[in-house]
């Protein structure tokens, strides 16, 4: 079942909807209108280059979070005599 993006001409809401049949048109979840325009959806590409970039960004983010967690734990230990 494809997921399509729609723009409601009545209220301007943008939303996604699953479409089971090609001739099926959903209703706007905001105003329940039927004047919808299907937007052009771009496919997501997963190449080795984009995967490598995503992995590097995730590792950098994880390292920063680990450093922050270690700092917070150390500050807690220094300031609390339990």
PDB file of N, CA and C in Angstrom:
ATOM      1  N   UNK A   1       0.841  -1.172   0.000  1.00  0.00           N
ATOM      2  CA  UNK A   1       0.000   0.000   0.000  1.00  0.00           C
ATOM      3  C   UNK A   1       0.888   1.237   0.000  1.00  0.00           C
ATOM      4  N   UNK A   2       0.760   2.083  -0.996  1.00  0.00           N
ATOM      5  CA  UNK A   2       1.578   3.294  -1.024  1.00  0.00           C
ATOM      6  C   UNK A   2       1.052   4.361  -0.062  1.00  0.00           C
ATOM      7  N   UNK A   3       1.961   5.154   0.427  1.00  0.00           N
ATOM      8  CA  UNK A   3       1.618   6.304   1.261  1.00  0.00           C
ATOM      9  C   UNK A   3       1.805   7.544   0.401  1.00  0.00           C
ATOM     10  N   UNK A   4       0.758   8.345   0.301  1.00  0.00           N
ATOM     11  CA  UNK A   4       0.813   9.566  -0.490  1.00  0.00           C
ATOM     12  C   UNK A   4       0.715  10.773   0.425  1.00  0.00           C
ATOM     13  N   UNK A   5       1.290  11.865  -0.028  1.00  0.00           N
ATOM     14  CA  UNK A   5       1.186  13.133   0.679  1.00  0.00           C
ATOM     15  C   UNK A   5       0.131  13.978  -0.014  1.00  0.00           C
ATOM     16  N   UNK A   6      -0.701  14.631   0.785  1.00  0.00           N
ATOM     17  CA  UNK A   6      -1.790  15.446   0.241  1.00  0.00           C
ATOM     18  C   UNK A   6      -1.753  16.840   0.840  1.00  0.00           C
ATOM     19  N   UNK A   7      -2.303  17.784   0.076  1.00  0.00           N
ATOM     20  CA  UNK A   7      -2.521  19.149   0.523  1.00  0.00           C
ATOM     21  C   UNK A   7      -4.002  19.438   0.355  1.00  0.00           C
ATOM     22  N   UNK A   8      -4.647  19.857   1.433  1.00  0.00           N
ATOM     23  CA  UNK A   8      -6.069  20.186   1.378  1.00  0.00           C
ATOM     24  C   UNK A   8      -6.211  21.616   0.868  1.00  0.00           C
ATOM     25  N   UNK A   9      -6.955  21.787  -0.192  1.00  0.00           N
ATOM     26  CA  UNK A   9      -7.175  23.132  -0.746  1.00  0.00           C
ATOM     27  C   UNK A   9      -8.132  23.940   0.115  1.00  0.00           C
ATOM     28  N   UNK A  10      -8.948  23.250   0.900  1.00  0.00           N
ATOM     29  CA  UNK A  10      -9.930  23.940   1.738  1.00  0.00           C
ATOM     30  C   UNK A  10      -9.306  24.626   2.936  1.00  0.00           C
ATOM     31  N   UNK A  11      -8.462  23.892   3.688  1.00  0.00           N
ATOM     32  CA  UNK A  11      -7.906  24.467   4.916  1.00  0.00           C
ATOM     33  C   UNK A  11      -6.389  24.601   4.879  1.00  0.00           C
ATOM     34  N   UNK A  12      -5.730  24.054   3.849  1.00  0.00           N
ATOM     35  CA  UNK A  12      -4.282  24.186   3.729  1.00  0.00           C
ATOM     36  C   UNK A  12      -3.488  23.157   4.516  1.00  0.00           C
ATOM     37  N   UNK A  13      -4.157  22.182   5.114  1.00  0.00           N
ATOM     38  CA  UNK A  13      -3.459  21.160   5.893  1.00  0.00           C
ATOM     39  C   UNK A  13      -2.694  20.216   4.971  1.00  0.00           C
ATOM     40  N   UNK A  14      -1.520  19.796   5.425  1.00  0.00           N
ATOM     41  CA  UNK A  14      -0.741  18.796   4.710  1.00  0.00           C
ATOM     42  C   UNK A  14      -0.745  17.531   5.547  1.00  0.00           C
ATOM     43  N   UNK A  15      -0.936  16.385   4.889  1.00  0.00           N
ATOM     44  CA  UNK A  15      -0.976  15.127   5.619  1.00  0.00           C
ATOM     45  C   UNK A  15      -0.599  13.987   4.696  1.00  0.00           C
ATOM     46  N   UNK A  16      -0.313  12.833   5.301  1.00  0.00           N
ATOM     47  CA  UNK A  16      -0.013  11.614   4.570  1.00  0.00           C
ATOM     48  C   UNK A  16      -1.151  10.642   4.766  1.00  0.00           C
ATOM     49  N   UNK A  17      -1.395   9.818   3.764  1.00  0.00           N
ATOM     50  CA  UNK A  17      -2.470   8.825   3.870  1.00  0.00           C
ATOM     51  C   UNK A  17      -2.096   7.577   3.086  1.00  0.00           C
ATOM     52  N   UNK A  18      -2.480   6.426   3.623  1.00  0.00           N
ATOM     53  CA  UNK A  18      -2.327   5.162   2.908  1.00  0.00           C
ATOM     54  C   UNK A  18      -3.459   5.063   1.903  1.00  0.00           C
ATOM     55  N   UNK A  19      -3.135   4.643   0.715  1.00  0.00           N
ATOM     56  CA  UNK A  19      -4.144   4.492  -0.321  1.00  0.00           C
ATOM     57  C   UNK A  19      -4.139   3.041  -0.772  1.00  0.00           C
ATOM     58  N   UNK A  20      -5.269   2.377  -0.574  1.00  0.00           N
ATOM     59  CA  UNK A  20      -5.353   0.954  -0.903  1.00  0.00           C
ATOM     60  C   UNK A  20      -5.691   0.723  -2.378  1.00  0.00           C
ATOM     61  N   UNK A  21      -6.504   1.620  -2.936  1.00  0.00           N
ATOM     62  CA  UNK A  21      -6.918   1.500  -4.334  1.00  0.00           C
ATOM     63  C   UNK A  21      -6.509   2.760  -5.080  1.00  0.00           C
ATOM     64  N   UNK A  22      -6.139   2.641  -6.343  1.00  0.00           N
ATOM     65  CA  UNK A  22      -5.695   3.829  -7.090  1.00  0.00           C
ATOM     66  C   UNK A  22      -6.738   4.937  -7.191  1.00  0.00           C
ATOM     67  N   UNK A  23      -8.021   4.598  -7.234  1.00  0.00           N
ATOM     68  CA  UNK A  23      -9.061   5.620  -7.367  1.00  0.00           C
ATOM     69  C   UNK A  23      -9.570   6.137  -6.018  1.00  0.00           C
ATOM     70  N   UNK A  24      -9.041   5.612  -4.922  1.00  0.00           N
ATOM     71  CA  UNK A  24      -9.488   6.017  -3.586  1.00  0.00           C
ATOM     72  C   UNK A  24      -8.859   7.361  -3.210  1.00  0.00           C
ATOM     73  N   UNK A  25      -9.674   8.271  -2.683  1.00  0.00           N
ATOM     74  CA  UNK A  25      -9.183   9.563  -2.191  1.00  0.00           C
ATOM     75  C   UNK A  25      -9.579   9.696  -0.725  1.00  0.00           C
ATOM     76  N   UNK A  26      -8.620   9.972   0.136  1.00  0.00           N
ATOM     77  CA  UNK A  26      -8.961  10.140   1.555  1.00  0.00           C
ATOM     78  C   UNK A  26      -9.597  11.498   1.811  1.00  0.00           C
ATOM     79  N   UNK A  27     -10.091  11.669   3.015  1.00  0.00           N
ATOM     80  CA  UNK A  27     -10.644  12.954   3.439  1.00  0.00           C
ATOM     81  C   UNK A  27      -9.605  13.658   4.300  1.00  0.00           C
ATOM     82  N   UNK A  28      -9.650  14.965   4.305  1.00  0.00           N
ATOM     83  CA  UNK A  28      -8.735  15.763   5.119  1.00  0.00           C
ATOM     84  C   UNK A  28      -9.018  15.501   6.601  1.00  0.00           C
ATOM     85  N   UNK A  29      -7.989  15.185   7.388  1.00  0.00           N
ATOM     86  CA  UNK A  29      -8.218  14.933   8.821  1.00  0.00           C
ATOM     87  C   UNK A  29      -8.572  16.196   9.603  1.00  0.00           C
ATOM     88  N   UNK A  30      -8.254  17.375   9.076  1.00  0.00           N
ATOM     89  CA  UNK A  30      -8.537  18.628   9.775  1.00  0.00           C
ATOM     90  C   UNK A  30      -9.969  19.105   9.548  1.00  0.00           C
ATOM     91  N   UNK A  31     -10.364  19.199   8.259  1.00  0.00           N
ATOM     92  CA  UNK A  31     -11.679  19.781   7.954  1.00  0.00           C
ATOM     93  C   UNK A  31     -12.635  18.771   7.307  1.00  0.00           C
ATOM     94  N   UNK A  32     -12.169  17.554   7.112  1.00  0.00           N
ATOM     95  CA  UNK A  32     -12.963  16.488   6.487  1.00  0.00           C
ATOM     96  C   UNK A  32     -13.335  16.834   5.044  1.00  0.00           C
ATOM     97  N   UNK A  33     -12.557  17.721   4.431  1.00  0.00           N
ATOM     98  CA  UNK A  33     -12.810  18.135   3.052  1.00  0.00           C
ATOM     99  C   UNK A  33     -12.307  17.109   2.049  1.00  0.00           C
ATOM    100  N   UNK A  34     -12.781  17.250   0.818  1.00  0.00           N
ATOM    101  CA  UNK A  34     -12.386  16.302  -0.229  1.00  0.00           C
ATOM    102  C   UNK A  34     -11.641  16.983  -1.372  1.00  0.00           C
ATOM    103  N   UNK A  35     -11.399  18.296  -1.274  1.00  0.00           N
ATOM    104  CA  UNK A  35     -10.643  19.000  -2.307  1.00  0.00           C
ATOM    105  C   UNK A  35      -9.160  18.862  -1.994  1.00  0.00           C
ATOM    106  N   UNK A  36      -8.582  17.751  -2.442  1.00  0.00           N
ATOM    107  CA  UNK A  36      -7.203  17.436  -2.112  1.00  0.00           C
ATOM    108  C   UNK A  36      -6.327  17.470  -3.346  1.00  0.00           C
ATOM    109  N   UNK A  37      -5.098  17.853  -3.125  1.00  0.00           N
ATOM    110  CA  UNK A  37      -4.097  17.838  -4.184  1.00  0.00           C
ATOM    111  C   UNK A  37      -2.995  16.895  -3.732  1.00  0.00           C
ATOM    112  N   UNK A  38      -2.710  15.883  -4.545  1.00  0.00           N
ATOM    113  CA  UNK A  38      -1.655  14.944  -4.182  1.00  0.00           C
ATOM    114  C   UNK A  38      -0.315  15.585  -4.506  1.00  0.00           C
ATOM    115  N   UNK A  39       0.559  15.612  -3.516  1.00  0.00           N
ATOM    116  CA  UNK A  39       1.863  16.232  -3.680  1.00  0.00           C
ATOM    117  C   UNK A  39       2.852  15.236  -4.254  1.00  0.00           C
ATOM    118  N   UNK A  40       3.884  15.748  -4.844  1.00  0.00           N
ATOM    119  CA  UNK A  40       4.938  14.911  -5.383  1.00  0.00           C
ATOM    120  C   UNK A  40       5.826  14.453  -4.240  1.00  0.00           C
ATOM    121  N   UNK A  41       5.934  13.167  -4.047  1.00  0.00           N
ATOM    122  CA  UNK A  41       6.773  12.597  -2.997  1.00  0.00           C
ATOM    123  C   UNK A  41       8.073  12.119  -3.628  1.00  0.00           C
ATOM    124  N   UNK A  42       9.161  12.511  -3.031  1.00  0.00           N
ATOM    125  CA  UNK A  42      10.456  12.080  -3.533  1.00  0.00           C
ATOM    126  C   UNK A  42      10.889  10.809  -2.818  1.00  0.00           C
ATOM    127  N   UNK A  43      11.377   9.829  -3.559  1.00  0.00           N
ATOM    128  CA  UNK A  43      11.833   8.603  -2.905  1.00  0.00           C
ATOM    129  C   UNK A  43      13.122   8.857  -2.132  1.00  0.00           C
ATOM    130  N   UNK A  44      13.309   8.115  -1.098  1.00  0.00           N
ATOM    131  CA  UNK A  44      14.540   8.223  -0.329  1.00  0.00           C
ATOM    132  C   UNK A  44      15.546   7.236  -0.899  1.00  0.00           C
ATOM    133  N   UNK A  45      16.724   7.724  -1.136  1.00  0.00           N
ATOM    134  CA  UNK A  45      17.771   6.888  -1.676  1.00  0.00           C
ATOM    135  C   UNK A  45      18.741   6.500  -0.571  1.00  0.00           C
ATOM    136  N   UNK A  46      19.072   5.245  -0.525  1.00  0.00           N
ATOM    137  CA  UNK A  46      20.039   4.745   0.429  1.00  0.00           C
ATOM    138  C   UNK A  46      21.208   4.170  -0.356  1.00  0.00           C
ATOM    139  N   UNK A  47      22.273   4.943  -0.429  1.00  0.00           N
ATOM    140  CA  UNK A  47      23.475   4.484  -1.096  1.00  0.00           C
ATOM    141  C   UNK A  47      24.550   4.270  -0.046  1.00  0.00           C
ATOM    142  N   UNK A  48      25.654   3.717  -0.454  1.00  0.00           N
ATOM    143  CA  UNK A  48      26.737   3.504   0.505  1.00  0.00           C
ATOM    144  C   UNK A  48      27.266   4.847   1.008  1.00  0.00           C
ATOM    145  N   UNK A  49      27.245   5.864   0.160  1.00  0.00           N
ATOM    146  CA  UNK A  49      27.699   7.190   0.577  1.00  0.00           C
ATOM    147  C   UNK A  49      26.802   7.809   1.625  1.00  0.00           C
ATOM    148  N   UNK A  50      25.485   7.748   1.408  1.00  0.00           N
ATOM    149  CA  UNK A  50      24.570   8.322   2.397  1.00  0.00           C
ATOM    150  C   UNK A  50      24.580   7.494   3.676  1.00  0.00           C
ATOM    151  N   UNK A  51      24.768   6.185   3.542  1.00  0.00           N
ATOM    152  CA  UNK A  51      24.846   5.326   4.733  1.00  0.00           C
ATOM    153  C   UNK A  51      26.086   5.688   5.561  1.00  0.00           C
ATOM    154  N   UNK A  52      27.221   5.877   4.891  1.00  0.00           N
ATOM    155  CA  UNK A  52      28.446   6.241   5.599  1.00  0.00           C
ATOM    156  C   UNK A  52      28.304   7.583   6.299  1.00  0.00           C
ATOM    157  N   UNK A  53      27.674   8.555   5.629  1.00  0.00           N
ATOM    158  CA  UNK A  53      27.456   9.859   6.257  1.00  0.00           C
ATOM    159  C   UNK A  53      26.568   9.740   7.487  1.00  0.00           C
ATOM    160  N   UNK A  54      25.512   8.953   7.366  1.00  0.00           N
ATOM    161  CA  UNK A  54      24.602   8.768   8.496  1.00  0.00           C
ATOM    162  C   UNK A  54      25.305   8.078   9.661  1.00  0.00           C
ATOM    163  N   UNK A  55      26.139   7.098   9.363  1.00  0.00           N
ATOM    164  CA  UNK A  55      26.850   6.380  10.425  1.00  0.00           C
ATOM    165  C   UNK A  55      27.863   7.293  11.115  1.00  0.00           C
ATOM    166  N   UNK A  56      28.573   8.114  10.355  1.00  0.00           N
ATOM    167  CA  UNK A  56      29.524   9.051  10.970  1.00  0.00           C
ATOM    168  C   UNK A  56      28.807  10.057  11.861  1.00  0.00           C
ATOM    169  N   UNK A  57      27.674  10.553  11.397  1.00  0.00           N
ATOM    170  CA  UNK A  57      26.908  11.502  12.204  1.00  0.00           C
ATOM    171  C   UNK A  57      26.391  10.842  13.478  1.00  0.00           C
ATOM    172  N   UNK A  58      25.949   9.593  13.375  1.00  0.00           N
ATOM    173  CA  UNK A  58      25.447   8.879  14.550  1.00  0.00           C
ATOM    174  C   UNK A  58      26.571   8.629  15.557  1.00  0.00           C
ATOM    175  N   UNK A  59      27.747   8.252  15.073  1.00  0.00           N
ATOM    176  CA  UNK A  59      28.879   8.015  15.976  1.00  0.00           C
ATOM    177  C   UNK A  59      29.298   9.298  16.678  1.00  0.00           C
ATOM    178  N   UNK A  60      29.304  10.405  15.943  1.00  0.00           N
ATOM    179  CA  UNK A  60      29.652  11.689  16.527  1.00  0.00           C
ATOM    180  C   UNK A  60      28.631  12.086  17.593  1.00  0.00           C
ATOM    181  N   UNK A  61      27.354  11.897  17.282  1.00  0.00           N
ATOM    182  CA  UNK A  61      26.289  12.208  18.234  1.00  0.00           C
ATOM    183  C   UNK A  61      26.400  11.332  19.475  1.00  0.00           C
ATOM    184  N   UNK A  62      26.643  10.039  19.284  1.00  0.00           N
ATOM    185  CA  UNK A  62      26.748   9.115  20.412  1.00  0.00           C
ATOM    186  C   UNK A  62      27.948   9.446  21.299  1.00  0.00           C
ATOM    187  N   UNK A  63      29.074   9.830  20.683  1.00  0.00           N
ATOM    188  CA  UNK A  63      30.252  10.193  21.461  1.00  0.00           C
ATOM    189  C   UNK A  63      29.981  11.435  22.302  1.00  0.00           C
ATOM    190  N   UNK A  64      29.293  12.414  21.718  1.00  0.00           N
ATOM    191  CA  UNK A  64      28.965  13.632  22.467  1.00  0.00           C
ATOM    192  C   UNK A  64      28.015  13.326  23.622  1.00  0.00           C
ATOM    193  N   UNK A  65      27.044  12.446  23.385  1.00  0.00           N
ATOM    194  CA  UNK A  65      26.111  12.081  24.446  1.00  0.00           C
ATOM    195  C   UNK A  65      26.814  11.301  25.551  1.00  0.00           C
ATOM    196  N   UNK A  66      27.753  10.427  25.201  1.00  0.00           N
ATOM    197  CA  UNK A  66      28.491   9.662  26.201  1.00  0.00           C
ATOM    198  C   UNK A  66      29.364  10.587  27.036  1.00  0.00           C
ATOM    199  N   UNK A  67      29.991  11.566  26.395  1.00  0.00           N
ATOM    200  CA  UNK A  67      30.828  12.524  27.112  1.00  0.00           C
ATOM    201  C   UNK A  67      29.987  13.339  28.092  1.00  0.00           C
ATOM    202  N   UNK A  68      28.816  13.773  27.648  1.00  0.00           N
ATOM    203  CA  UNK A  68      27.916  14.541  28.515  1.00  0.00           C
ATOM    204  C   UNK A  68      27.423  13.697  29.686  1.00  0.00           C
ATOM    205  N   UNK A  69      27.100  12.446  29.417  1.00  0.00           N
ATOM    206  CA  UNK A  69      26.627  11.555  30.488  1.00  0.00           C
ATOM    207  C   UNK A  69      27.727  11.302  31.506  1.00  0.00           C
ATOM    208  N   UNK A  70      28.953  11.112  31.051  1.00  0.00           N
ATOM    209  CA  UNK A  70      30.070  10.889  31.971  1.00  0.00           C
ATOM    210  C   UNK A  70      30.319  12.134  32.821  1.00  0.00           C
ATOM    211  N   UNK A  71      30.244  13.312  32.206  1.00  0.00           N
ATOM    212  CA  UNK A  71      30.426  14.557  32.941  1.00  0.00           C
ATOM    213  C   UNK A  71      29.327  14.730  33.995  1.00  0.00           C
ATOM    214  N   UNK A  72      28.104  14.476  33.608  1.00  0.00           N
ATOM    215  CA  UNK A  72      26.977  14.608  34.539  1.00  0.00           C
ATOM    216  C   UNK A  72      27.117  13.628  35.699  1.00  0.00           C
ATOM    217  N   UNK A  73      27.514  12.402  35.418  1.00  0.00           N
ATOM    218  CA  UNK A  73      27.703  11.401  36.472  1.00  0.00           C
ATOM    219  C   UNK A  73      28.823  11.826  37.418  1.00  0.00           C
ATOM    220  N   UNK A  74      29.904  12.333  36.861  1.00  0.00           N
ATOM    221  CA  UNK A  74      31.034  12.775  37.694  1.00  0.00           C
ATOM    222  C   UNK A  74      30.620  13.947  38.578  1.00  0.00           C
ATOM    223  N   UNK A  75      29.885  14.900  38.059  1.00  0.00           N
ATOM    224  CA  UNK A  75      29.413  16.020  38.855  1.00  0.00           C
ATOM    225  C   UNK A  75      28.488  15.562  39.964  1.00  0.00           C
ATOM    226  N   UNK A  76      27.647  14.580  39.673  1.00  0.00           N
ATOM    227  CA  UNK A  76      26.758  14.037  40.686  1.00  0.00           C
ATOM    228  C   UNK A  76      27.561  13.394  41.808  1.00  0.00           C
ATOM    229  N   UNK A  77      28.572  12.605  41.437  1.00  0.00           N
ATOM    230  CA  UNK A  77      29.382  11.912  42.434  1.00  0.00           C
ATOM    231  C   UNK A  77      30.166  12.898  43.305  1.00  0.00           C
ATOM    232  N   UNK A  78      30.644  13.994  42.717  1.00  0.00           N
ATOM    233  CA  UNK A  78      31.387  14.975  43.482  1.00  0.00           C
ATOM    234  C   UNK A  78      30.513  15.759  44.449  1.00  0.00           C
ATOM    235  N   UNK A  79      29.246  15.947  44.091  1.00  0.00           N
ATOM    236  CA  UNK A  79      28.366  16.808  44.896  1.00  0.00           C
ATOM    237  C   UNK A  79      27.417  16.054  45.822  1.00  0.00           C
ATOM    238  N   UNK A  80      27.450  14.741  45.796  1.00  0.00           N
ATOM    239  CA  UNK A  80      26.549  13.968  46.655  1.00  0.00           C
ATOM    240  C   UNK A  80      27.342  12.945  47.450  1.00  0.00           C
ATOM    241  N   UNK A  81      27.283  13.079  48.756  1.00  0.00           N
ATOM    242  CA  UNK A  81      27.942  12.125  49.639  1.00  0.00           C
ATOM    243  C   UNK A  81      26.901  11.187  50.198  1.00  0.00           C
ATOM    244  N   UNK A  82      26.640  10.141  49.487  1.00  0.00           N
ATOM    245  CA  UNK A  82      25.603   9.178  49.916  1.00  0.00           C
ATOM    246  C   UNK A  82      26.182   8.045  50.698  1.00  0.00           C
TER     247      UNK A  82
END
